[in-house]
Amino acid sequence: MKIIFSRKGFDRTSGRAPSPIIDGVPHSLPIPTDRYPSETTYGNLDLGDALSKVQSKYAARCFCHEDPMFWEDRCAFGQTSAAQSHLKNNGVGEGDVFLFFGLFAEVGTGDPHHRIFGYLKVDNVQQIGSKPRGDEVE
């Protein structure tokens, strides 16, 4: 089993601020995007309020790159192109674990720090390419 640390979300480069910790709960803000085809906004993900609590130029209407995606007890994580090849070339596959971490700070009072906010144990790997159609995943 391999353990892979994967940095995600807002930081001083992507988003220009740490993701917020609100009432003790970390809210990982996906990175903003205008390069990737995205139909997802911070508002779609109910993150508009959390986004408004950080010093950022982004708003609820802005597009973001939701990766990884969490819902209920499931998680999906996608890599394409060179990143996908890197994982394949290093033998990452079923049974391996990704630990997702990011930069966080308590709203208004906290010092920025990194913390793990989620994980994924790989059940299966599906090669879907850099332009998925959406019907490749069962």
Foldseek 3Di string as FASTA:
>chain_A
DAEAEDEFADDCVFQNWFQEQEPNRGDGHGGFDPPDDFPAFCVNVVCQVSNVLIPGPDGRPTTGDCAFDDDDPDTDGDDADPVVVVCVVVPDFAQYKYFYKYWYAYRPDGDIDIDTDDMDGHHGDDDQHDDHPPPRDD
